[in-house]
Amino acid sequence: MTSMTGFGMSEVETSLGKIIIETRSENYRFLDINLQIPEALLPIEQHLNEIVKKYIFRGKIRIIIVSEGLKKRVPSINFELAKQTYGILEKIKKELSMEDQTSLEHFLMIKEFFSYEAKPAISKKHLSKIVSALNDAVLKLYESRISEGKKIEKDLKHRTLFVEKTLNKIKSRRKSYSKVFSDNLKSRIEKLFEDIRLDENRLHQEIALLVEKTDITEEIVRLGAHITKFKETMKKNGSIGRECDFLLQEMNREAGTISAKSKDASISHFIIDLRLEIEKMREQAQNIE
């Protein structure tokens, strides 16, 4: 079982300076990779994405690559052109009798004043080091997610055991409750119609129908099946988060039906405990890859 949250970091020394790579991940329904990298690395962006996909299937992944040597250099300014332009602007204002002030903002809007020194292409050696460092950072992220996943699995196993025990309590209570409910219902009907002669066969049929409407056997069986399937799913490799979440939804639905059909206070109390535990399990499952 793998968590969708984790962190990994790697560093590599190059002639361009130290390159630092950070990888973080959080919950997300699909795989979403967000690369924040220097412009010089854009040609290998797809390759960097493929490295992530080797290890991770779900989650929002954020990768930051920082290197002083890969940042854009400070632009140079063509002061001679700026002076000539200023003179032209002043002449235009004088000829047209304009009183507007010439400000720095006007010059900043003219991109021809600025130029960037061309940077040499990154060598294959540097690219190889960066790719290797990213692979190392993503691997650490993956290991971090595995470690967190083990904690989630341990917690879910503990909670699943509680759900099973609670379901067994409901089963035991149901066996005795069906007969008690039937006897109490018959006694109340007979008392209500004590001065009226009733058809015994018809009375038993009606009581049987009422008891059937409160029968929770099918729901108990289905809930037990979902619990078994959930335990099997937790043992699987790969991406199991969605399946776990779906099974927990079904478990909660069956528990809700049992609560609605059962007229027994003890069973209702068991269901409250059970649904609270399932809800906590769902919160944990939201973090499973």
C-alpha atoms as a PDB file:
ATOM      1  CA  MET A   1       0.000   0.000   0.000  1.00  0.00           C
ATOM      2  CA  THR A   2       1.353   3.404  -1.027  1.00  0.00           C
ATOM      3  CA  SER A   3       0.427   6.841   0.282  1.00  0.00           C
ATOM      4  CA  MET A   4      -0.068   9.804  -2.043  1.00  0.00           C
ATOM      5  CA  THR A   5       1.886  12.192   0.201  1.00  0.00           C
ATOM      6  CA  GLY A   6       5.645  12.279   0.391  1.00  0.00           C
ATOM      7  CA  PHE A   7       8.855  14.246  -0.123  1.00  0.00           C
ATOM      8  CA  GLY A   8      12.193  13.676  -1.795  1.00  0.00           C
ATOM      9  CA  MET A   9      15.273  15.821  -2.460  1.00  0.00           C
ATOM     10  CA  SER A  10      18.523  15.410  -4.355  1.00  0.00           C
ATOM     11  CA  GLU A  11      21.558  17.627  -5.107  1.00  0.00           C
ATOM     12  CA  VAL A  12      24.257  17.446  -7.744  1.00  0.00           C
ATOM     13  CA  GLU A  13      27.411  19.538  -8.249  1.00  0.00           C
ATOM     14  CA  THR A  14      28.177  20.670 -11.819  1.00  0.00           C
ATOM     15  CA  SER A  15      30.283  23.330 -13.509  1.00  0.00           C
ATOM     16  CA  LEU A  16      27.059  25.332 -13.618  1.00  0.00           C
ATOM     17  CA  GLY A  17      26.945  25.264  -9.834  1.00  0.00           C
ATOM     18  CA  LYS A  18      24.912  23.206  -7.380  1.00  0.00           C
ATOM     19  CA  ILE A  19      21.595  21.950  -8.761  1.00  0.00           C
ATOM     20  CA  ILE A  20      18.897  21.204  -6.170  1.00  0.00           C
ATOM     21  CA  ILE A  21      15.848  19.092  -6.958  1.00  0.00           C
ATOM     22  CA  GLU A  22      12.836  18.868  -4.639  1.00  0.00           C
ATOM     23  CA  THR A  23       9.859  16.556  -5.165  1.00  0.00           C
ATOM     24  CA  ARG A  24       6.600  16.708  -3.230  1.00  0.00           C
ATOM     25  CA  SER A  25       3.291  14.932  -3.636  1.00  0.00           C
ATOM     26  CA  GLU A  26      -0.216  15.230  -2.231  1.00  0.00           C
ATOM     27  CA  ASN A  27      -3.652  13.686  -2.686  1.00  0.00           C
ATOM     28  CA  TYR A  28      -5.250  13.883  -6.112  1.00  0.00           C
ATOM     29  CA  ARG A  29      -7.675  11.676  -8.007  1.00  0.00           C
ATOM     30  CA  PHE A  30      -5.388  11.317 -11.040  1.00  0.00           C
ATOM     31  CA  LEU A  31      -1.675  11.824 -11.786  1.00  0.00           C
ATOM     32  CA  ASP A  32      -0.851  15.520 -12.150  1.00  0.00           C
ATOM     33  CA  ILE A  33       2.812  16.456 -12.626  1.00  0.00           C
ATOM     34  CA  ASN A  34       3.819  20.089 -12.155  1.00  0.00           C
ATOM     35  CA  LEU A  35       7.411  20.861 -13.165  1.00  0.00           C
ATOM     36  CA  GLN A  36       8.985  24.140 -12.077  1.00  0.00           C
ATOM     37  CA  ILE A  37      12.259  24.074 -13.976  1.00  0.00           C
ATOM     38  CA  PRO A  38      14.685  26.540 -15.588  1.00  0.00           C
ATOM     39  CA  GLU A  39      13.947  27.434 -19.184  1.00  0.00           C
ATOM     40  CA  ALA A  40      17.148  25.695 -20.248  1.00  0.00           C
ATOM     41  CA  LEU A  41      15.663  22.323 -19.234  1.00  0.00           C
ATOM     42  CA  LEU A  42      12.425  22.647 -21.208  1.00  0.00           C
ATOM     43  CA  PRO A  43      13.756  20.442 -24.074  1.00  0.00           C
ATOM     44  CA  ILE A  44      13.905  17.457 -21.681  1.00  0.00           C
ATOM     45  CA  GLU A  45      10.624  18.206 -19.881  1.00  0.00           C
ATOM     46  CA  GLN A  46       8.864  15.166 -21.365  1.00  0.00           C
ATOM     47  CA  HIS A  47      11.730  12.907 -20.343  1.00  0.00           C
ATOM     48  CA  LEU A  48      11.509  14.244 -16.777  1.00  0.00           C
ATOM     49  CA  ASN A  49       7.780  13.460 -16.759  1.00  0.00           C
ATOM     50  CA  GLU A  50       8.451   9.886 -17.843  1.00  0.00           C
ATOM     51  CA  ILE A  51      10.836   9.383 -14.910  1.00  0.00           C
ATOM     52  CA  VAL A  52       8.029  10.299 -12.496  1.00  0.00           C
ATOM     53  CA  LYS A  53       5.576   7.929 -14.217  1.00  0.00           C
ATOM     54  CA  LYS A  54       7.934   4.990 -13.652  1.00  0.00           C
ATOM     55  CA  TYR A  55       7.321   5.170  -9.910  1.00  0.00           C
ATOM     56  CA  ILE A  56       4.047   7.028  -9.323  1.00  0.00           C
ATOM     57  CA  PHE A  57       0.511   6.421 -10.631  1.00  0.00           C
ATOM     58  CA  ARG A  58      -1.694   8.864  -8.701  1.00  0.00           C
ATOM     59  CA  GLY A  59      -1.294  12.152  -6.864  1.00  0.00           C
ATOM     60  CA  LYS A  60      -0.400  15.781  -7.479  1.00  0.00           C
ATOM     61  CA  ILE A  61       3.360  15.853  -7.986  1.00  0.00           C
ATOM     62  CA  ARG A  62       5.372  19.067  -7.726  1.00  0.00           C
ATOM     63  CA  ILE A  63       9.006  19.090  -8.856  1.00  0.00           C
ATOM     64  CA  ILE A  64      11.263  22.120  -8.405  1.00  0.00           C
ATOM     65  CA  ILE A  65      14.726  22.302  -9.975  1.00  0.00           C
ATOM     66  CA  VAL A  66      16.863  25.225  -8.816  1.00  0.00           C
ATOM     67  CA  SER A  67      20.278  26.225 -10.152  1.00  0.00           C
ATOM     68  CA  GLU A  68      21.940  29.638 -10.158  1.00  0.00           C
ATOM     69  CA  GLY A  69      23.903  28.634 -13.227  1.00  0.00           C
ATOM     70  CA  LEU A  70      20.712  27.944 -15.210  1.00  0.00           C
ATOM     71  CA  LYS A  71      18.970  31.214 -14.421  1.00  0.00           C
ATOM     72  CA  LYS A  72      18.645  33.948 -17.025  1.00  0.00           C
ATOM     73  CA  ARG A  73      21.498  36.396 -16.984  1.00  0.00           C
ATOM     74  CA  VAL A  74      21.043  40.092 -16.184  1.00  0.00           C
ATOM     75  CA  PRO A  75      20.041  41.963 -19.358  1.00  0.00           C
ATOM     76  CA  SER A  76      22.344  44.551 -20.910  1.00  0.00           C
ATOM     77  CA  ILE A  77      20.986  48.024 -21.714  1.00  0.00           C
ATOM     78  CA  ASN A  78      21.591  49.997 -24.916  1.00  0.00           C
ATOM     79  CA  PHE A  79      22.108  53.445 -23.358  1.00  0.00           C
ATOM     80  CA  GLU A  80      23.055  55.057 -26.680  1.00  0.00           C
ATOM     81  CA  LEU A  81      19.724  54.051 -28.217  1.00  0.00           C
ATOM     82  CA  ALA A  82      17.909  55.243 -25.070  1.00  0.00           C
ATOM     83  CA  LYS A  83      19.584  58.689 -25.310  1.00  0.00           C
ATOM     84  CA  GLN A  84      18.677  59.017 -28.975  1.00  0.00           C
ATOM     85  CA  THR A  85      15.089  58.026 -28.261  1.00  0.00           C
ATOM     86  CA  TYR A  86      14.859  60.529 -25.400  1.00  0.00           C
ATOM     87  CA  GLY A  87      16.064  63.300 -27.695  1.00  0.00           C
ATOM     88  CA  ILE A  88      13.474  62.378 -30.321  1.00  0.00           C
ATOM     89  CA  LEU A  89      10.685  62.340 -27.722  1.00  0.00           C
ATOM     90  CA  GLU A  90      11.692  65.780 -26.420  1.00  0.00           C
ATOM     91  CA  LYS A  91      11.777  67.162 -29.976  1.00  0.00           C
ATOM     92  CA  ILE A  92       8.301  65.767 -30.695  1.00  0.00           C
ATOM     93  CA  LYS A  93       6.928  67.335 -27.496  1.00  0.00           C
ATOM     94  CA  LYS A  94       8.430  70.714 -28.432  1.00  0.00           C
ATOM     95  CA  GLU A  95       7.118  70.637 -32.010  1.00  0.00           C
ATOM     96  CA  LEU A  96       3.615  69.655 -30.844  1.00  0.00           C
ATOM     97  CA  SER A  97       3.650  71.944 -27.783  1.00  0.00           C
ATOM     98  CA  MET A  98       3.073  68.974 -25.466  1.00  0.00           C
ATOM     99  CA  GLU A  99       3.619  69.412 -21.725  1.00  0.00           C
ATOM    100  CA  ASP A 100       3.698  65.703 -20.787  1.00  0.00           C
ATOM    101  CA  GLN A 101       6.692  64.553 -18.739  1.00  0.00           C
ATOM    102  CA  THR A 102       8.909  61.795 -20.153  1.00  0.00           C
ATOM    103  CA  SER A 103       9.186  59.101 -17.456  1.00  0.00           C
ATOM    104  CA  LEU A 104      11.099  55.896 -16.935  1.00  0.00           C
ATOM    105  CA  GLU A 105       7.939  53.890 -17.598  1.00  0.00           C
ATOM    106  CA  HIS A 106       7.989  54.994 -21.226  1.00  0.00           C
ATOM    107  CA  PHE A 107      11.473  53.543 -21.676  1.00  0.00           C
ATOM    108  CA  LEU A 108      10.690  50.272 -19.924  1.00  0.00           C
ATOM    109  CA  MET A 109       7.999  49.651 -22.539  1.00  0.00           C
ATOM    110  CA  ILE A 110      10.544  49.715 -25.361  1.00  0.00           C
ATOM    111  CA  LYS A 111      12.044  46.227 -25.472  1.00  0.00           C
ATOM    112  CA  GLU A 112      14.714  47.212 -27.996  1.00  0.00           C
ATOM    113  CA  PHE A 113      16.642  48.883 -25.158  1.00  0.00           C
ATOM    114  CA  PHE A 114      17.293  45.507 -23.510  1.00  0.00           C
ATOM    115  CA  SER A 115      19.196  42.472 -24.742  1.00  0.00           C
ATOM    116  CA  TYR A 116      20.183  39.154 -23.178  1.00  0.00           C
ATOM    117  CA  GLU A 117      23.522  37.534 -23.687  1.00  0.00           C
ATOM    118  CA  ALA A 118      23.096  34.266 -25.527  1.00  0.00           C
ATOM    119  CA  LYS A 119      23.697  31.280 -23.255  1.00  0.00           C
ATOM    120  CA  PRO A 120      25.466  28.185 -24.478  1.00  0.00           C
ATOM    121  CA  ALA A 121      23.370  25.037 -24.707  1.00  0.00           C
ATOM    122  CA  ILE A 122      23.595  22.683 -21.749  1.00  0.00           C
ATOM    123  CA  SER A 123      25.955  19.824 -22.455  1.00  0.00           C
ATOM    124  CA  LYS A 124      24.836  16.200 -22.548  1.00  0.00           C
ATOM    125  CA  LYS A 125      27.010  15.590 -19.496  1.00  0.00           C
ATOM    126  CA  HIS A 126      25.080  18.186 -17.488  1.00  0.00           C
ATOM    127  CA  LEU A 127      21.739  16.870 -18.708  1.00  0.00           C
ATOM    128  CA  SER A 128      22.741  13.353 -17.726  1.00  0.00           C
ATOM    129  CA  LYS A 129      23.623  14.503 -14.204  1.00  0.00           C
ATOM    130  CA  ILE A 130      20.332  16.392 -13.858  1.00  0.00           C
ATOM    131  CA  VAL A 131      18.302  13.414 -15.060  1.00  0.00           C
ATOM    132  CA  SER A 132      20.171  11.118 -12.667  1.00  0.00           C
ATOM    133  CA  ALA A 133      19.559  13.536  -9.774  1.00  0.00           C
ATOM    134  CA  LEU A 134      15.860  13.772 -10.615  1.00  0.00           C
ATOM    135  CA  ASN A 135      15.603  10.001 -10.726  1.00  0.00           C
ATOM    136  CA  ASP A 136      17.184   9.896  -7.261  1.00  0.00           C
ATOM    137  CA  ALA A 137      14.778  12.566  -5.908  1.00  0.00           C
ATOM    138  CA  VAL A 138      11.721  10.782  -7.342  1.00  0.00           C
ATOM    139  CA  LEU A 139      12.930   7.469  -5.910  1.00  0.00           C
ATOM    140  CA  LYS A 140      13.214   9.097  -2.473  1.00  0.00           C
ATOM    141  CA  LEU A 141       9.703  10.503  -2.926  1.00  0.00           C
ATOM    142  CA  TYR A 142       8.465   7.014  -3.814  1.00  0.00           C
ATOM    143  CA  GLU A 143      10.152   5.487  -0.753  1.00  0.00           C
ATOM    144  CA  SER A 144       8.624   8.224   1.403  1.00  0.00           C
ATOM    145  CA  ARG A 145       5.169   7.361   0.041  1.00  0.00           C
ATOM    146  CA  ILE A 146       5.778   3.659   0.697  1.00  0.00           C
ATOM    147  CA  SER A 147       6.773   4.393   4.303  1.00  0.00           C
ATOM    148  CA  GLU A 148       3.672   6.516   4.852  1.00  0.00           C
ATOM    149  CA  GLY A 149       1.570   3.827   3.168  1.00  0.00           C
ATOM    150  CA  LYS A 150       2.689   1.230   5.721  1.00  0.00           C
ATOM    151  CA  LYS A 151       1.411   3.455   8.525  1.00  0.00           C
ATOM    152  CA  ILE A 152      -1.943   3.845   6.785  1.00  0.00           C
ATOM    153  CA  GLU A 153      -2.179   0.097   6.193  1.00  0.00           C
ATOM    154  CA  LYS A 154      -1.495  -0.641   9.865  1.00  0.00           C
ATOM    155  CA  ASP A 155      -4.204   1.807  10.906  1.00  0.00           C
ATOM    156  CA  LEU A 156      -6.731   0.429   8.399  1.00  0.00           C
ATOM    157  CA  LYS A 157      -6.128  -3.151   9.529  1.00  0.00           C
ATOM    158  CA  HIS A 158      -6.791  -2.128  13.125  1.00  0.00           C
ATOM    159  CA  ARG A 159     -10.005  -0.347  12.160  1.00  0.00           C
ATOM    160  CA  THR A 160     -11.141  -3.198   9.912  1.00  0.00           C
ATOM    161  CA  LEU A 161     -10.817  -5.566  12.870  1.00  0.00           C
ATOM    162  CA  PHE A 162     -13.038  -3.246  14.923  1.00  0.00           C
ATOM    163  CA  VAL A 163     -15.640  -3.201  12.122  1.00  0.00           C
ATOM    164  CA  GLU A 164     -15.624  -7.025  11.955  1.00  0.00           C
ATOM    165  CA  LYS A 165     -16.076  -7.344  15.720  1.00  0.00           C
ATOM    166  CA  THR A 166     -18.932  -4.838  15.669  1.00  0.00           C
ATOM    167  CA  LEU A 167     -20.619  -6.722  12.833  1.00  0.00           C
ATOM    168  CA  ASN A 168     -20.368  -9.955  14.855  1.00  0.00           C
ATOM    169  CA  LYS A 169     -22.086  -8.186  17.758  1.00  0.00           C
ATOM    170  CA  ILE A 170     -24.896  -7.173  15.396  1.00  0.00           C
ATOM    171  CA  LYS A 171     -25.207 -10.769  14.172  1.00  0.00           C
ATOM    172  CA  SER A 172     -25.487 -12.102  17.715  1.00  0.00           C
ATOM    173  CA  ARG A 173     -28.039  -9.486  18.687  1.00  0.00           C
ATOM    174  CA  ARG A 174     -30.117 -10.112  15.555  1.00  0.00           C
ATOM    175  CA  LYS A 175     -30.566 -13.832  16.351  1.00  0.00           C
ATOM    176  CA  SER A 176     -32.237 -13.130  19.662  1.00  0.00           C
ATOM    177  CA  TYR A 177     -33.975  -9.946  18.556  1.00  0.00           C
ATOM    178  CA  SER A 178     -36.036 -11.508  15.727  1.00  0.00           C
ATOM    179  CA  LYS A 179     -37.846 -13.859  18.129  1.00  0.00           C
ATOM    180  CA  VAL A 180     -38.281 -11.153  20.778  1.00  0.00           C
ATOM    181  CA  PHE A 181     -39.681  -8.737  18.187  1.00  0.00           C
ATOM    182  CA  SER A 182     -42.106 -11.381  16.862  1.00  0.00           C
ATOM    183  CA  ASP A 183     -43.333 -12.378  20.360  1.00  0.00           C
ATOM    184  CA  ASN A 184     -43.752  -8.750  21.449  1.00  0.00           C
ATOM    185  CA  LEU A 185     -45.643  -7.885  18.283  1.00  0.00           C
ATOM    186  CA  LYS A 186     -47.981 -10.855  18.687  1.00  0.00           C
ATOM    187  CA  SER A 187     -48.609  -9.980  22.344  1.00  0.00           C
ATOM    188  CA  ARG A 188     -49.451  -6.375  21.495  1.00  0.00           C
ATOM    189  CA  ILE A 189     -51.859  -7.387  18.721  1.00  0.00           C
ATOM    190  CA  GLU A 190     -53.619  -9.928  20.907  1.00  0.00           C
ATOM    191  CA  LYS A 191     -53.977  -7.364  23.692  1.00  0.00           C
ATOM    192  CA  LEU A 192     -55.295  -4.781  21.264  1.00  0.00           C
ATOM    193  CA  PHE A 193     -57.890  -7.184  19.904  1.00  0.00           C
ATOM    194  CA  GLU A 194     -58.509  -9.212  23.079  1.00  0.00           C
ATOM    195  CA  ASP A 195     -62.298  -8.944  22.665  1.00  0.00           C
ATOM    196  CA  ILE A 196     -62.166  -9.904  19.004  1.00  0.00           C
ATOM    197  CA  ARG A 197     -61.636 -13.389  17.718  1.00  0.00           C
ATOM    198  CA  LEU A 198     -58.650 -13.429  15.349  1.00  0.00           C
ATOM    199  CA  ASP A 199     -57.690 -15.888  12.631  1.00  0.00           C
ATOM    200  CA  GLU A 200     -54.489 -17.439  14.018  1.00  0.00           C
ATOM    201  CA  ASN A 201     -53.110 -18.322  10.584  1.00  0.00           C
ATOM    202  CA  ARG A 202     -53.739 -14.843   9.247  1.00  0.00           C
ATOM    203  CA  LEU A 203     -52.218 -13.331  12.389  1.00  0.00           C
ATOM    204  CA  HIS A 204     -49.041 -15.364  12.004  1.00  0.00           C
ATOM    205  CA  GLN A 205     -48.793 -14.385   8.319  1.00  0.00           C
ATOM    206  CA  GLU A 206     -49.091 -10.687   9.080  1.00  0.00           C
ATOM    207  CA  ILE A 207     -46.553 -10.928  11.887  1.00  0.00           C
ATOM    208  CA  ALA A 208     -44.176 -12.810   9.581  1.00  0.00           C
ATOM    209  CA  LEU A 209     -44.472 -10.023   6.965  1.00  0.00           C
ATOM    210  CA  LEU A 210     -43.738  -7.323   9.534  1.00  0.00           C
ATOM    211  CA  VAL A 211     -40.770  -9.267  10.886  1.00  0.00           C
ATOM    212  CA  GLU A 212     -39.471  -9.758   7.328  1.00  0.00           C
ATOM    213  CA  LYS A 213     -39.492  -5.982   6.744  1.00  0.00           C
ATOM    214  CA  THR A 214     -37.150  -5.575   9.689  1.00  0.00           C
ATOM    215  CA  ASP A 215     -34.919  -8.498   8.708  1.00  0.00           C
ATOM    216  CA  ILE A 216     -31.314  -7.384   8.150  1.00  0.00           C
ATOM    217  CA  THR A 217     -29.807 -10.724   7.142  1.00  0.00           C
ATOM    218  CA  GLU A 218     -29.053  -9.739   3.527  1.00  0.00           C
ATOM    219  CA  GLU A 219     -27.449  -6.473   4.561  1.00  0.00           C
ATOM    220  CA  ILE A 220     -25.283  -8.241   7.134  1.00  0.00           C
ATOM    221  CA  VAL A 221     -24.131 -10.779   4.525  1.00  0.00           C
ATOM    222  CA  ARG A 222     -23.299  -8.053   1.990  1.00  0.00           C
ATOM    223  CA  LEU A 223     -21.483  -5.976   4.603  1.00  0.00           C
ATOM    224  CA  GLY A 224     -19.427  -9.020   5.566  1.00  0.00           C
ATOM    225  CA  ALA A 225     -18.584  -9.632   1.895  1.00  0.00           C
ATOM    226  CA  HIS A 226     -17.446  -6.029   1.458  1.00  0.00           C
ATOM    227  CA  ILE A 227     -15.198  -6.314   4.525  1.00  0.00           C
ATOM    228  CA  THR A 228     -13.612  -9.482   3.141  1.00  0.00           C
ATOM    229  CA  LYS A 229     -13.057  -7.834  -0.251  1.00  0.00           C
ATOM    230  CA  PHE A 230     -11.560  -4.767   1.427  1.00  0.00           C
ATOM    231  CA  LYS A 231      -9.036  -6.932   3.306  1.00  0.00           C
ATOM    232  CA  GLU A 232      -8.084  -8.664   0.041  1.00  0.00           C
ATOM    233  CA  THR A 233      -7.710  -5.337  -1.766  1.00  0.00           C
ATOM    234  CA  MET A 234      -5.321  -4.002   0.883  1.00  0.00           C
ATOM    235  CA  LYS A 235      -2.946  -6.875   0.023  1.00  0.00           C
ATOM    236  CA  LYS A 236      -2.760  -5.923  -3.664  1.00  0.00           C
ATOM    237  CA  ASN A 237       0.129  -4.082  -5.272  1.00  0.00           C
ATOM    238  CA  GLY A 238      -0.225  -0.975  -7.394  1.00  0.00           C
ATOM    239  CA  SER A 239      -2.958   1.644  -7.323  1.00  0.00           C
ATOM    240  CA  ILE A 240      -5.754   0.486  -4.972  1.00  0.00           C
ATOM    241  CA  GLY A 241      -7.003   3.754  -3.478  1.00  0.00           C
ATOM    242  CA  ARG A 242     -10.132   4.109  -5.610  1.00  0.00           C
ATOM    243  CA  GLU A 243     -11.185   0.505  -5.042  1.00  0.00           C
ATOM    244  CA  CYS A 244     -10.733   0.877  -1.279  1.00  0.00           C
ATOM    245  CA  ASP A 245     -12.777   4.078  -1.271  1.00  0.00           C
ATOM    246  CA  PHE A 246     -15.577   2.450  -3.293  1.00  0.00           C
ATOM    247  CA  LEU A 247     -15.760  -0.565  -0.959  1.00  0.00           C
ATOM    248  CA  LEU A 248     -15.937   1.712   2.074  1.00  0.00           C
ATOM    249  CA  GLN A 249     -18.802   3.617   0.452  1.00  0.00           C
ATOM    250  CA  GLU A 250     -20.654   0.331  -0.034  1.00  0.00           C
ATOM    251  CA  MET A 251     -19.944  -0.712   3.551  1.00  0.00           C
ATOM    252  CA  ASN A 252     -21.346   2.570   4.805  1.00  0.00           C
ATOM    253  CA  ARG A 253     -24.428   2.173   2.606  1.00  0.00           C
ATOM    254  CA  GLU A 254     -25.183  -1.321   3.981  1.00  0.00           C
ATOM    255  CA  ALA A 255     -24.677  -0.054   7.535  1.00  0.00           C
ATOM    256  CA  GLY A 256     -27.147   2.740   6.832  1.00  0.00           C
ATOM    257  CA  THR A 257     -29.760   0.263   5.563  1.00  0.00           C
ATOM    258  CA  ILE A 258     -29.318  -1.910   8.656  1.00  0.00           C
ATOM    259  CA  SER A 259     -29.865   1.150  10.828  1.00  0.00           C
ATOM    260  CA  ALA A 260     -33.021   2.092   8.922  1.00  0.00           C
ATOM    261  CA  LYS A 261     -34.551  -1.407   8.986  1.00  0.00           C
ATOM    262  CA  SER A 262     -33.645  -2.475  12.494  1.00  0.00           C
ATOM    263  CA  LYS A 263     -36.008  -1.473  15.313  1.00  0.00           C
ATOM    264  CA  ASP A 264     -33.582  -2.562  17.998  1.00  0.00           C
ATOM    265  CA  ALA A 265     -31.811   0.161  20.011  1.00  0.00           C
ATOM    266  CA  SER A 266     -28.754  -2.010  20.686  1.00  0.00           C
ATOM    267  CA  ILE A 267     -28.213  -2.656  16.978  1.00  0.00           C
ATOM    268  CA  SER A 268     -28.651   1.066  16.275  1.00  0.00           C
ATOM    269  CA  HIS A 269     -25.914   1.855  18.781  1.00  0.00           C
ATOM    270  CA  PHE A 270     -23.612  -0.728  17.187  1.00  0.00           C
ATOM    271  CA  ILE A 271     -24.270   0.854  13.784  1.00  0.00           C
ATOM    272  CA  ILE A 272     -23.329   4.298  15.076  1.00  0.00           C
ATOM    273  CA  ASP A 273     -19.958   2.960  16.224  1.00  0.00           C
ATOM    274  CA  LEU A 274     -19.513   1.055  12.989  1.00  0.00           C
ATOM    275  CA  ARG A 275     -20.305   4.020  10.707  1.00  0.00           C
ATOM    276  CA  LEU A 276     -18.013   6.334  12.649  1.00  0.00           C
ATOM    277  CA  GLU A 277     -15.172   3.860  12.176  1.00  0.00           C
ATOM    278  CA  ILE A 278     -15.921   3.452   8.452  1.00  0.00           C
ATOM    279  CA  GLU A 279     -15.853   7.241   8.069  1.00  0.00           C
ATOM    280  CA  LYS A 280     -12.390   7.350   9.651  1.00  0.00           C
ATOM    281  CA  MET A 281     -11.312   4.588   7.273  1.00  0.00           C
ATOM    282  CA  ARG A 282     -12.567   6.606   4.313  1.00  0.00           C
ATOM    283  CA  GLU A 283     -10.493   9.578   5.427  1.00  0.00           C
ATOM    284  CA  GLN A 284      -7.427   7.360   5.440  1.00  0.00           C
ATOM    285  CA  ALA A 285      -8.330   5.757   2.106  1.00  0.00           C
ATOM    286  CA  GLN A 286      -8.407   9.199   0.469  1.00  0.00           C
ATOM    287  CA  ASN A 287      -4.631   9.209   0.905  1.00  0.00           C
ATOM    288  CA  ILE A 288      -3.976   5.829  -0.719  1.00  0.00           C
ATOM    289  CA  GLU A 289      -2.513   5.772  -4.232  1.00  0.00           C
END
